[in-house]
C-alpha atoms as a PDB file:
ATOM      1  CA  MET A   1      75.958  29.333  12.571  1.00  0.00           C
ATOM      2  CA  ALA A   2      76.418  30.540   9.477  1.00  0.00           C
ATOM      3  CA  CYS A   3      73.091  32.373   8.485  1.00  0.00           C
ATOM      4  CA  GLY A   4      73.569  32.398   4.548  1.00  0.00           C
ATOM      5  CA  ALA A   5      74.721  35.222   2.105  1.00  0.00           C
ATOM      6  CA  GLY A   6      74.071  38.880   2.334  1.00  0.00           C
ATOM      7  CA  ARG A   7      73.395  41.569   5.290  1.00  0.00           C
ATOM      8  CA  THR A   8      71.861  39.966   8.434  1.00  0.00           C
ATOM      9  CA  TYR A   9      69.267  41.926  10.146  1.00  0.00           C
ATOM     10  CA  GLY A  10      67.062  41.347  13.513  1.00  0.00           C
ATOM     11  CA  ALA A  11      63.762  43.144  14.891  1.00  0.00           C
ATOM     12  CA  SER A  12      61.836  42.516  17.397  1.00  0.00           C
ATOM     13  CA  LEU A  13      58.613  43.428  19.121  1.00  0.00           C
ATOM     14  CA  PRO A  14      57.930  43.071  22.519  1.00  0.00           C
ATOM     15  CA  GLY A  15      54.769  42.800  24.383  1.00  0.00           C
ATOM     16  CA  LEU A  16      53.079  43.590  21.060  1.00  0.00           C
ATOM     17  CA  LEU A  17      48.852  43.694  22.123  1.00  0.00           C
ATOM     18  CA  ALA A  18      47.183  42.860  18.733  1.00  0.00           C
ATOM     19  CA  GLY A  19      43.547  43.361  20.311  1.00  0.00           C
ATOM     20  CA  THR A  20      40.955  41.076  19.216  1.00  0.00           C
ATOM     21  CA  ALA A  21      40.332  42.199  15.922  1.00  0.00           C
ATOM     22  CA  ALA A  22      43.432  40.778  14.768  1.00  0.00           C
ATOM     23  CA  THR A  23      41.609  39.124  11.572  1.00  0.00           C
ATOM     24  CA  PHE A  24      44.246  40.408   9.330  1.00  0.00           C
ATOM     25  CA  ALA A  25      48.277  40.827   9.918  1.00  0.00           C
ATOM     26  CA  ILE A  26      49.850  40.873  13.468  1.00  0.00           C
ATOM     27  CA  ALA A  27      53.335  41.538  12.137  1.00  0.00           C
ATOM     28  CA  GLU A  28      55.089  42.258   9.080  1.00  0.00           C
ATOM     29  CA  LEU A  29      58.241  42.551   7.544  1.00  0.00           C
ATOM     30  CA  ASP A  30      57.934  44.590   4.715  1.00  0.00           C
ATOM     31  CA  GLY A  31      60.189  44.568   1.403  1.00  0.00           C
ATOM     32  CA  SER A  32      62.879  46.904   0.001  1.00  0.00           C
ATOM     33  CA  ALA A  33      62.725  48.723  -3.425  1.00  0.00           C
ATOM     34  CA  THR A  34      66.749  48.517  -3.551  1.00  0.00           C
ATOM     35  CA  ARG A  35      67.510  45.261  -1.981  1.00  0.00           C
ATOM     36  CA  LYS A  36      66.146  41.221  -2.085  1.00  0.00           C
ATOM     37  CA  ILE A  37      64.898  40.298   1.287  1.00  0.00           C
ATOM     38  CA  ARG A  38      65.566  36.578   2.492  1.00  0.00           C
ATOM     39  CA  LEU A  39      63.309  35.607   5.446  1.00  0.00           C
ATOM     40  CA  LEU A  40      65.392  33.629   7.675  1.00  0.00           C
ATOM     41  CA  LYS A  41      63.307  32.798  11.412  1.00  0.00           C
ATOM     42  CA  LEU A  42      60.247  34.023  12.580  1.00  0.00           C
ATOM     43  CA  LEU A  43      59.308  33.963  16.231  1.00  0.00           C
ATOM     44  CA  VAL A  44      56.146  33.920  18.000  1.00  0.00           C
ATOM     45  CA  SER A  45      55.057  33.838  21.612  1.00  0.00           C
ATOM     46  CA  GLY A  46      52.898  34.943  24.034  1.00  0.00           C
ATOM     47  CA  LEU A  47      50.229  34.996  26.866  1.00  0.00           C
ATOM     48  CA  GLU A  48      46.596  35.850  27.379  1.00  0.00           C
ATOM     49  CA  ALA A  49      45.450  37.665  30.665  1.00  0.00           C
ATOM     50  CA  THR A  50      41.740  36.234  30.620  1.00  0.00           C
ATOM     51  CA  ALA A  51      41.478  32.889  29.342  1.00  0.00           C
ATOM     52  CA  ILE A  52      43.597  30.675  28.028  1.00  0.00           C
ATOM     53  CA  ALA A  53      43.588  30.321  23.400  1.00  0.00           C
ATOM     54  CA  ASN A  54      44.629  28.102  21.218  1.00  0.00           C
ATOM     55  CA  ASN A  55      44.933  29.991  18.028  1.00  0.00           C
ATOM     56  CA  ASP A  56      45.993  29.241  13.989  1.00  0.00           C
ATOM     57  CA  LEU A  57      49.045  31.400  13.482  1.00  0.00           C
ATOM     58  CA  ARG A  58      49.577  31.404   9.679  1.00  0.00           C
ATOM     59  CA  LEU A  59      52.877  33.258   7.955  1.00  0.00           C
ATOM     60  CA  THR A  60      51.645  34.852   4.428  1.00  0.00           C
ATOM     61  CA  LYS A  61      53.032  36.294   1.636  1.00  0.00           C
ATOM     62  CA  LEU A  62      51.361  39.351   0.705  1.00  0.00           C
ATOM     63  CA  SER A  63      51.274  41.255  -2.838  1.00  0.00           C
ATOM     64  CA  SER A  64      50.548  44.273  -1.234  1.00  0.00           C
ATOM     65  CA  ILE A  65      51.771  45.470   2.305  1.00  0.00           C
ATOM     66  CA  SER A  66      49.682  46.296   4.710  1.00  0.00           C
ATOM     67  CA  THR A  67      48.084  49.862   4.788  1.00  0.00           C
ATOM     68  CA  GLY A  68      46.007  51.452   7.815  1.00  0.00           C
ATOM     69  CA  GLY A  69      45.324  50.600  11.421  1.00  0.00           C
ATOM     70  CA  ALA A  70      47.386  51.586  13.470  1.00  0.00           C
ATOM     71  CA  ALA A  71      51.256  49.628  13.395  1.00  0.00           C
ATOM     72  CA  THR A  72      54.443  49.998  15.717  1.00  0.00           C
ATOM     73  CA  VAL A  73      57.451  50.026  13.689  1.00  0.00           C
ATOM     74  CA  ALA A  74      60.295  48.067  15.306  1.00  0.00           C
ATOM     75  CA  THR A  75      64.185  48.601  15.542  1.00  0.00           C
ATOM     76  CA  ALA A  76      65.872  46.686  12.394  1.00  0.00           C
ATOM     77  CA  VAL A  77      69.783  45.709  14.550  1.00  0.00           C
ATOM     78  CA  PRO A  78      72.616  44.760  11.912  1.00  0.00           C
ATOM     79  CA  PHE A  79      73.920  41.448  13.372  1.00  0.00           C
ATOM     80  CA  VAL A  80      77.374  42.740  12.331  1.00  0.00           C
ATOM     81  CA  SER A  81      77.611  46.818  13.530  1.00  0.00           C
ATOM     82  CA  THR A  82      79.584  47.973  10.464  1.00  0.00           C
ATOM     83  CA  ASN A  83      76.416  46.718   7.728  1.00  0.00           C
ATOM     84  CA  PRO A  84      74.185  50.150   6.676  1.00  0.00           C
ATOM     85  CA  ALA A  85      71.073  50.761   8.118  1.00  0.00           C
ATOM     86  CA  ALA A  86      68.087  47.782   6.862  1.00  0.00           C
ATOM     87  CA  THR A  87      65.985  48.649   4.188  1.00  0.00           C
ATOM     88  CA  ALA A  88      63.112  46.194   4.912  1.00  0.00           C
ATOM     89  CA  VAL A  89      60.606  47.064   7.906  1.00  0.00           C
ATOM     90  CA  PHE A  90      59.133  45.092  10.327  1.00  0.00           C
ATOM     91  CA  ARG A  91      56.095  46.386  12.107  1.00  0.00           C
ATOM     92  CA  GLY A  92      53.475  44.939  14.438  1.00  0.00           C
ATOM     93  CA  PHE A  93      50.094  46.225  14.078  1.00  0.00           C
ATOM     94  CA  THR A  94      48.244  47.400  17.348  1.00  0.00           C
ATOM     95  CA  THR A  95      44.631  48.121  15.471  1.00  0.00           C
ATOM     96  CA  ALA A  96      44.081  45.864  12.352  1.00  0.00           C
ATOM     97  CA  PRO A  97      44.818  47.234   8.839  1.00  0.00           C
ATOM     98  CA  THR A  98      42.232  48.498   6.986  1.00  0.00           C
ATOM     99  CA  GLY A  99      43.650  47.815   3.234  1.00  0.00           C
ATOM    100  CA  GLY A 100      46.160  46.351   1.302  1.00  0.00           C
ATOM    101  CA  GLY A 101      47.974  43.314   2.480  1.00  0.00           C
ATOM    102  CA  VAL A 102      46.515  40.987  -0.467  1.00  0.00           C
ATOM    103  CA  VAL A 103      47.350  37.358  -0.163  1.00  0.00           C
ATOM    104  CA  VAL A 104      49.495  35.727  -1.803  1.00  0.00           C
ATOM    105  CA  GLY A 105      48.720  32.119   0.015  1.00  0.00           C
ATOM    106  CA  ALA A 106      50.053  30.561   3.220  1.00  0.00           C
ATOM    107  CA  ILE A 107      53.966  29.390   3.459  1.00  0.00           C
ATOM    108  CA  ALA A 108      53.224  28.187   7.061  1.00  0.00           C
ATOM    109  CA  VAL A 109      50.972  27.422   9.698  1.00  0.00           C
ATOM    110  CA  GLN A 110      51.058  26.404  13.371  1.00  0.00           C
ATOM    111  CA  LYS A 111      49.206  26.421  16.418  1.00  0.00           C
ATOM    112  CA  LEU A 112      50.050  29.096  19.155  1.00  0.00           C
ATOM    113  CA  SER A 113      48.539  28.256  22.275  1.00  0.00           C
ATOM    114  CA  LEU A 114      48.737  31.182  24.950  1.00  0.00           C
ATOM    115  CA  LEU A 115      48.266  30.300  28.288  1.00  0.00           C
ATOM    116  CA  LEU A 116      47.501  32.647  31.328  1.00  0.00           C
ATOM    117  CA  VAL A 117      49.651  35.693  32.869  1.00  0.00           C
ATOM    118  CA  THR A 118      49.371  33.527  35.878  1.00  0.00           C
ATOM    119  CA  THR A 119      50.423  30.223  34.625  1.00  0.00           C
ATOM    120  CA  ASN A 120      53.273  29.190  32.815  1.00  0.00           C
ATOM    121  CA  LEU A 121      54.041  30.648  29.580  1.00  0.00           C
ATOM    122  CA  GLY A 122      52.795  28.799  26.406  1.00  0.00           C
ATOM    123  CA  THR A 123      54.912  27.474  23.769  1.00  0.00           C
ATOM    124  CA  ALA A 124      56.448  29.622  20.960  1.00  0.00           C
ATOM    125  CA  VAL A 125      56.213  29.323  17.318  1.00  0.00           C
ATOM    126  CA  GLU A 126      58.743  29.337  15.299  1.00  0.00           C
ATOM    127  CA  PHE A 127      58.904  29.371  11.055  1.00  0.00           C
ATOM    128  CA  ASN A 128      62.547  28.876  10.614  1.00  0.00           C
ATOM    129  CA  PHE A 129      64.074  28.654   6.881  1.00  0.00           C
ATOM    130  CA  GLN A 130      67.735  28.996   7.997  1.00  0.00           C
ATOM    131  CA  LEU A 131      69.036  25.701   6.893  1.00  0.00           C
ATOM    132  CA  LEU A 132      67.356  26.013   3.637  1.00  0.00           C
ATOM    133  CA  PRO A 133      69.697  26.889   0.688  1.00  0.00           C
ATOM    134  CA  ALA A 134      69.192  30.508   0.181  1.00  0.00           C
ATOM    135  CA  ALA A 135      68.015  30.327  -2.735  1.00  0.00           C
ATOM    136  CA  SER A 136      65.137  28.450  -1.870  1.00  0.00           C
ATOM    137  CA  ARG A 137      64.326  31.043   1.329  1.00  0.00           C
ATOM    138  CA  PRO A 138      61.421  32.700   1.571  1.00  0.00           C
ATOM    139  CA  THR A 139      61.942  36.076  -0.621  1.00  0.00           C
ATOM    140  CA  LEU A 140      60.767  39.811  -1.421  1.00  0.00           C
ATOM    141  CA  LEU A 141      61.879  40.921  -4.637  1.00  0.00           C
ATOM    142  CA  THR A 142      59.702  44.468  -4.275  1.00  0.00           C
ATOM    143  CA  ALA A 143      58.916  47.119  -1.594  1.00  0.00           C
ATOM    144  CA  ALA A 144      55.224  46.059  -2.333  1.00  0.00           C
ATOM    145  CA  GLU A 145      55.217  42.356  -1.168  1.00  0.00           C
ATOM    146  CA  ALA A 146      55.352  41.776   2.508  1.00  0.00           C
ATOM    147  CA  PHE A 147      55.644  38.332   4.470  1.00  0.00           C
ATOM    148  CA  ALA A 148      53.067  38.518   7.501  1.00  0.00           C
ATOM    149  CA  ILE A 149      51.686  36.812  10.429  1.00  0.00           C
ATOM    150  CA  ASP A 150      48.212  36.651  11.570  1.00  0.00           C
ATOM    151  CA  PHE A 151      45.368  34.443  13.397  1.00  0.00           C
ATOM    152  CA  ASN A 152      44.476  32.795   9.874  1.00  0.00           C
ATOM    153  CA  GLY A 153      41.467  34.990   9.347  1.00  0.00           C
ATOM    154  CA  ALA A 154      40.438  34.087  12.810  1.00  0.00           C
ATOM    155  CA  THR A 155      39.333  36.997  15.565  1.00  0.00           C
ATOM    156  CA  PRO A 156      40.663  35.704  19.113  1.00  0.00           C
ATOM    157  CA  ALA A 157      38.440  35.275  21.937  1.00  0.00           C
ATOM    158  CA  ASN A 158      40.965  37.623  24.047  1.00  0.00           C
ATOM    159  CA  ALA A 159      43.173  40.594  23.298  1.00  0.00           C
ATOM    160  CA  PRO A 160      46.723  38.458  23.209  1.00  0.00           C
ATOM    161  CA  ASN A 161      50.547  39.962  24.443  1.00  0.00           C
ATOM    162  CA  LEU A 162      52.557  38.708  22.097  1.00  0.00           C
ATOM    163  CA  ASP A 163      56.452  38.944  21.837  1.00  0.00           C
ATOM    164  CA  VAL A 164      57.563  38.558  17.813  1.00  0.00           C
ATOM    165  CA  TYR A 165      60.882  38.571  16.623  1.00  0.00           C
ATOM    166  CA  ALA A 166      61.866  38.093  12.563  1.00  0.00           C
ATOM    167  CA  TRP A 167      65.342  37.395  11.038  1.00  0.00           C
ATOM    168  CA  TRP A 168      66.053  38.484   7.605  1.00  0.00           C
ATOM    169  CA  THR A 169      69.010  38.421   5.357  1.00  0.00           C
ATOM    170  CA  GLU A 170      69.331  41.884   2.418  1.00  0.00           C
ATOM    171  CA  GLU A 171      70.814  41.213  -0.762  1.00  0.00           C
ATOM    172  CA  PRO A 172      71.241  42.858  -3.941  1.00  0.00           C
ATOM    173  CA  LEU A 173      68.461  42.728  -5.993  1.00  0.00           C
ATOM    174  CA  ASN A 174      70.792  41.254  -9.147  1.00  0.00           C
ATOM    175  CA  ALA A 175      72.197  38.558  -6.411  1.00  0.00           C
END
């Protein structure tokens, strides 16, 4: 399946412990100063240690990247080995950001059902834009912008253990 124009990258955050103060970004794809970033796909799955939980999972566009908190930066992997290093940054927060992260609006929302470790895993939530024409995919044009996943402003009752990954393309700014 063709992912579209541009160089394609992926990054994952396995076992992301978002905590119970995750009212802001859980994971975030930050834009680039030198490339146009087009989101292809973002997927979240996970489990709970203490109680089953159903959460609204929201994909937002931010006019400024999140600041503060504690973040883990994922390794961006080129889908083609001859591609240069990615310029976008994918990171997950283990302590909620304390600033920035100004939400422009929600692009999509789905329910994320998190089951207990002792039962089967809940269903994954996938935000997939690969079938849209390249020019219609969610796009970041500056390093200040970002796409973020959050719990729609709610605080989860229990600390979830999440697996999150993102796929994106990077194109010249004038393309």
